[in-house]
Amino acid sequence: MAAPRASAQGQPDPLPARAARLASPGTSWTVLVLSLGVLVVSAGLAARPGAAEAQTALVVWFNHPPQPLGALFALVNPLFRPVPLIVLAVVLAGWILVPATAARRLESLRALAGALIVAELLAQTLKRVVDQPRPTAVVPGLDVHGYPQDPWGRAYPSAHTALIVAAVAALWPWISRAQRWSGLALAVLVPLNRIYIGAHWPVDIVGGAAVGLVAAALTWLVAARWPLERPPPPP
């Protein structure tokens, strides 16, 4: 590996920041089109008569999963209630944004804000179109596992899943390996927790993930077309 160049005062120049690993436009368009396809199919499945009955057995299994999965869900469940989840999101956002350079912080904020807005608008629109009831309204005896109130409103798609997937995927090009692993853990555990507490059907999670990827792919295309961060100079 080449040594850092010396400055005029004889001190080595700091190494440049790692370049953002943006997806190519072709990859972004592929993710966008595939995610839209998954969204259309999953929405159609959620709206079909008998969709709830077809998923009930899996929801009941997730509501009382075998060990050690049950212990894992019980351990992380308190973190994913409304207030702790907001605190966790703020802490993780600070971990990503505070140490970043000014340009990278702007790129990350633009991607994060854009993805969250698109994901929320698309998820809420689909909820009204599909109008699927939540498992707690259909399956008797489901345990909400200490959630502050019974989940209410429409089920498909999972807005929690849409927002967490949108945030992690949108920020992916600008975050470190440790941050990526942390984001992936959240993007898996939060959706599974939503089934665990009886708030969502499995198809809601699929639709929510597709919404999040649609939103993220749009932010990748924007970042590639109108970059705010200049690439580091060659060594």
Protein backbone atom coordinates (compact mmCIF):
# COMPACT_ATOMS: atom_id res chain seq x y z
CA MET A 1 0.00 0.00 0.00
CA ALA A 2 1.37 3.43 -0.88
CA ALA A 3 2.50 5.65 2.01
CA PRO A 4 0.72 8.99 2.60
CA ARG A 5 2.24 11.94 0.69
CA ALA A 6 4.29 14.41 2.72
CA SER A 7 3.05 17.97 3.10
CA ALA A 8 5.20 21.07 2.65
CA GLN A 9 6.07 20.95 6.37
CA GLY A 10 7.34 17.38 6.05
CA GLN A 11 4.31 15.87 7.81
CA PRO A 12 2.32 13.15 6.04
CA ASP A 13 -1.00 14.32 4.61
CA PRO A 14 -4.04 12.62 6.12
CA LEU A 15 -5.37 9.72 4.16
CA PRO A 16 -8.45 10.63 2.11
CA ALA A 17 -11.86 9.50 3.28
CA ARG A 18 -13.15 6.25 1.84
CA ALA A 19 -15.06 6.95 -1.33
CA ALA A 20 -18.79 6.33 -1.25
CA ARG A 21 -19.70 3.04 -2.91
CA LEU A 22 -22.70 4.15 -4.91
CA ALA A 23 -24.63 1.60 -6.90
CA SER A 24 -24.36 2.02 -10.64
CA PRO A 25 -27.45 3.45 -12.38
CA GLY A 26 -28.04 0.02 -13.91
CA THR A 27 -28.03 -1.64 -10.48
CA SER A 28 -30.28 1.08 -9.05
CA TRP A 29 -32.81 0.68 -11.86
CA THR A 30 -32.72 -3.11 -11.48
CA VAL A 31 -33.43 -2.88 -7.74
CA LEU A 32 -36.18 -0.33 -8.41
CA VAL A 33 -37.94 -2.41 -11.07
CA LEU A 34 -37.65 -5.70 -9.16
CA SER A 35 -38.90 -4.07 -5.95
CA LEU A 36 -41.88 -2.58 -7.77
CA GLY A 37 -42.65 -6.04 -9.14
CA VAL A 38 -42.51 -7.58 -5.65
CA LEU A 39 -44.71 -4.74 -4.40
CA VAL A 40 -47.38 -5.38 -7.03
CA VAL A 41 -47.40 -9.15 -6.42
CA SER A 42 -47.43 -8.88 -2.62
CA ALA A 43 -50.19 -6.25 -2.68
CA GLY A 44 -52.26 -8.53 -4.88
CA LEU A 45 -51.72 -11.45 -2.51
CA ALA A 46 -52.59 -9.33 0.54
CA ALA A 47 -55.83 -8.14 -1.07
CA ARG A 48 -57.00 -11.62 -2.14
CA PRO A 49 -59.85 -13.28 -0.26
CA GLY A 50 -58.48 -15.81 2.20
CA ALA A 51 -55.12 -14.05 2.60
CA ALA A 52 -55.50 -13.93 6.39
CA GLU A 53 -56.41 -17.59 6.71
CA ALA A 54 -53.45 -18.61 4.53
CA GLN A 55 -51.02 -16.83 6.86
CA THR A 56 -52.59 -17.51 10.26
CA ALA A 57 -50.54 -20.61 11.10
CA LEU A 58 -47.27 -18.76 10.45
CA VAL A 59 -48.39 -15.76 12.51
CA VAL A 60 -49.31 -18.03 15.44
CA TRP A 61 -45.92 -19.75 15.16
CA PHE A 62 -44.11 -16.41 15.28
CA ASN A 63 -46.27 -15.25 18.18
CA HIS A 64 -44.99 -18.17 20.29
CA PRO A 65 -41.76 -19.27 18.57
CA PRO A 66 -39.63 -22.18 19.80
CA GLN A 67 -36.39 -21.63 21.67
CA PRO A 68 -33.87 -20.11 21.23
CA LEU A 69 -35.80 -17.87 18.82
CA GLY A 70 -38.37 -17.07 21.50
CA ALA A 71 -35.63 -15.94 23.90
CA LEU A 72 -34.10 -13.71 21.21
CA PHE A 73 -37.44 -12.09 20.36
CA ALA A 74 -38.22 -11.56 24.06
CA LEU A 75 -34.77 -9.99 24.58
CA VAL A 76 -35.02 -7.42 21.77
CA ASN A 77 -38.78 -6.79 22.05
CA PRO A 78 -38.50 -3.94 24.63
CA LEU A 79 -36.09 -2.08 22.31
CA PHE A 80 -38.68 -1.97 19.52
CA ARG A 81 -41.52 -0.32 21.39
CA PRO A 82 -42.31 3.23 20.20
CA VAL A 83 -40.14 5.38 22.48
CA PRO A 84 -37.07 3.07 22.74
CA LEU A 85 -37.13 2.57 18.97
CA ILE A 86 -37.07 6.33 18.39
CA VAL A 87 -34.15 6.69 20.83
CA LEU A 88 -32.30 3.84 19.12
CA ALA A 89 -32.85 5.43 15.71
CA VAL A 90 -31.52 8.79 16.93
CA VAL A 91 -28.42 7.16 18.45
CA LEU A 92 -27.66 5.24 15.26
CA ALA A 93 -28.21 8.34 13.11
CA GLY A 94 -25.78 10.25 15.32
CA TRP A 95 -23.22 7.46 15.00
CA ILE A 96 -23.40 7.82 11.22
CA LEU A 97 -23.75 11.59 10.81
CA VAL A 98 -21.63 13.15 13.57
CA PRO A 99 -18.19 11.80 12.51
CA ALA A 100 -18.89 12.27 8.78
CA THR A 101 -17.37 15.06 6.70
CA ALA A 102 -19.65 17.98 5.86
CA ALA A 103 -20.24 16.84 2.28
CA ARG A 104 -20.86 13.24 3.31
CA ARG A 105 -23.22 14.39 6.05
CA LEU A 106 -25.24 16.32 3.47
CA GLU A 107 -25.32 13.32 1.13
CA SER A 108 -26.45 11.06 3.97
CA LEU A 109 -29.10 13.50 5.18
CA ARG A 110 -30.49 13.98 1.67
CA ALA A 111 -30.63 10.24 1.09
CA LEU A 112 -32.13 9.52 4.51
CA ALA A 113 -34.78 12.24 4.34
CA GLY A 114 -35.74 11.43 0.77
CA ALA A 115 -36.01 7.71 1.41
CA LEU A 116 -38.08 8.13 4.58
CA ILE A 117 -40.50 10.56 2.93
CA VAL A 118 -41.02 8.36 -0.13
CA ALA A 119 -41.36 5.19 1.97
CA GLU A 120 -43.88 6.73 4.36
CA LEU A 121 -46.03 8.23 1.58
CA LEU A 122 -46.00 5.01 -0.45
CA ALA A 123 -46.71 2.81 2.59
CA GLN A 124 -49.62 4.94 3.79
CA THR A 125 -51.10 5.08 0.30
CA LEU A 126 -50.93 1.30 -0.08
CA LYS A 127 -52.48 0.79 3.36
CA ARG A 128 -55.56 2.66 2.18
CA VAL A 129 -55.69 0.86 -1.16
CA VAL A 130 -55.25 -2.71 0.13
CA ASP A 131 -57.12 -2.14 3.43
CA GLN A 132 -56.01 -5.37 5.10
CA PRO A 133 -56.85 -5.91 8.82
CA ARG A 134 -54.08 -6.68 11.29
CA PRO A 135 -53.65 -10.19 12.73
CA THR A 136 -54.78 -9.04 16.20
CA ALA A 137 -58.13 -8.11 14.67
CA VAL A 138 -58.55 -11.50 12.99
CA VAL A 139 -56.75 -14.18 15.02
CA PRO A 140 -58.11 -14.58 18.56
CA GLY A 141 -55.72 -14.96 21.46
CA LEU A 142 -52.58 -13.40 19.96
CA ASP A 143 -50.12 -12.10 22.55
CA VAL A 144 -48.90 -8.52 21.91
CA HIS A 145 -45.97 -9.24 24.27
CA GLY A 146 -46.26 -6.07 26.32
CA TYR A 147 -46.78 -3.63 23.44
CA PRO A 148 -48.27 -0.44 24.95
CA GLN A 149 -51.53 -0.91 23.04
CA ASP A 150 -53.01 -3.40 20.65
CA PRO A 151 -51.70 -2.64 17.14
CA TRP A 152 -54.41 -0.78 15.24
CA GLY A 153 -54.98 0.45 11.71
CA ARG A 154 -54.32 -1.27 8.42
CA ALA A 155 -51.73 -4.02 8.04
CA TYR A 156 -50.34 -4.05 4.49
CA PRO A 157 -47.58 -2.99 4.04
CA SER A 158 -45.57 -2.77 7.25
CA ALA A 159 -44.56 0.88 7.59
CA HIS A 160 -41.96 -0.01 10.25
CA THR A 161 -40.32 -2.39 7.79
CA ALA A 162 -40.56 0.12 4.94
CA LEU A 163 -38.90 2.88 6.97
CA ILE A 164 -36.07 0.79 8.45
CA VAL A 165 -35.23 -0.84 5.11
CA ALA A 166 -35.42 2.53 3.34
CA ALA A 167 -33.09 4.14 5.89
CA VAL A 168 -30.49 1.37 5.92
CA ALA A 169 -30.46 0.89 2.14
CA ALA A 170 -30.41 4.63 1.38
CA LEU A 171 -27.43 5.18 3.69
CA TRP A 172 -25.60 2.03 2.56
CA PRO A 173 -23.10 3.76 0.21
CA TRP A 174 -21.85 6.11 2.95
CA ILE A 175 -21.67 3.91 6.05
CA SER A 176 -18.92 1.72 7.47
CA ARG A 177 -18.91 -2.06 7.72
CA ALA A 178 -19.85 -1.98 11.42
CA GLN A 179 -22.70 0.41 10.67
CA ARG A 180 -23.88 -1.84 7.84
CA TRP A 181 -23.98 -4.88 10.09
CA SER A 182 -25.90 -2.90 12.72
CA GLY A 183 -28.34 -1.68 10.09
CA LEU A 184 -28.84 -5.18 8.71
CA ALA A 185 -29.57 -6.50 12.20
CA LEU A 186 -32.26 -3.86 12.66
CA ALA A 187 -33.67 -4.44 9.17
CA VAL A 188 -34.16 -8.12 10.07
CA LEU A 189 -35.18 -7.92 13.74
CA VAL A 190 -37.66 -5.03 13.52
CA PRO A 191 -39.85 -6.72 10.84
CA LEU A 192 -39.75 -10.06 12.66
CA ASN A 193 -40.74 -8.29 15.86
CA ARG A 194 -43.79 -6.84 14.09
CA ILE A 195 -45.01 -10.37 13.33
CA TYR A 196 -44.05 -11.50 16.87
CA ILE A 197 -46.39 -8.94 18.49
CA GLY A 198 -49.24 -9.71 16.10
CA ALA A 199 -49.08 -6.39 14.24
CA HIS A 200 -48.40 -7.82 10.77
CA TRP A 201 -48.80 -10.73 8.43
CA PRO A 202 -45.72 -12.11 6.65
CA VAL A 203 -46.85 -10.59 3.33
CA ASP A 204 -46.87 -7.16 5.02
CA ILE A 205 -43.16 -7.54 5.75
CA VAL A 206 -42.42 -8.48 2.14
CA GLY A 207 -44.37 -5.45 0.92
CA GLY A 208 -42.72 -3.16 3.46
CA ALA A 209 -39.24 -4.29 2.43
CA ALA A 210 -40.15 -3.69 -1.22
CA VAL A 211 -41.38 -0.18 -0.40
CA GLY A 212 -38.12 0.56 1.42
CA LEU A 213 -36.01 -0.64 -1.49
CA VAL A 214 -38.03 1.41 -3.98
CA ALA A 215 -37.42 4.51 -1.88
CA ALA A 216 -33.70 3.74 -1.44
CA ALA A 217 -33.12 3.02 -5.12
CA LEU A 218 -34.58 6.42 -5.99
CA THR A 219 -32.12 8.10 -3.60
CA TRP A 220 -29.21 6.18 -5.19
CA LEU A 221 -30.24 7.50 -8.61
CA VAL A 222 -30.45 11.06 -7.26
CA ALA A 223 -27.03 10.79 -5.60
CA ALA A 224 -25.45 9.46 -8.79
CA ARG A 225 -27.03 12.16 -10.94
CA TRP A 226 -26.52 15.15 -8.58
CA PRO A 227 -23.63 14.31 -6.20
CA LEU A 228 -22.90 16.59 -3.27
CA GLU A 229 -19.64 14.86 -2.32
CA ARG A 230 -16.60 15.07 -4.57
CA PRO A 231 -14.54 11.89 -4.92
CA PRO A 232 -11.21 11.96 -3.05
CA PRO A 233 -8.15 12.93 -5.12
CA PRO A 234 -6.04 10.07 -6.53
CA PRO A 235 -3.00 9.07 -4.42
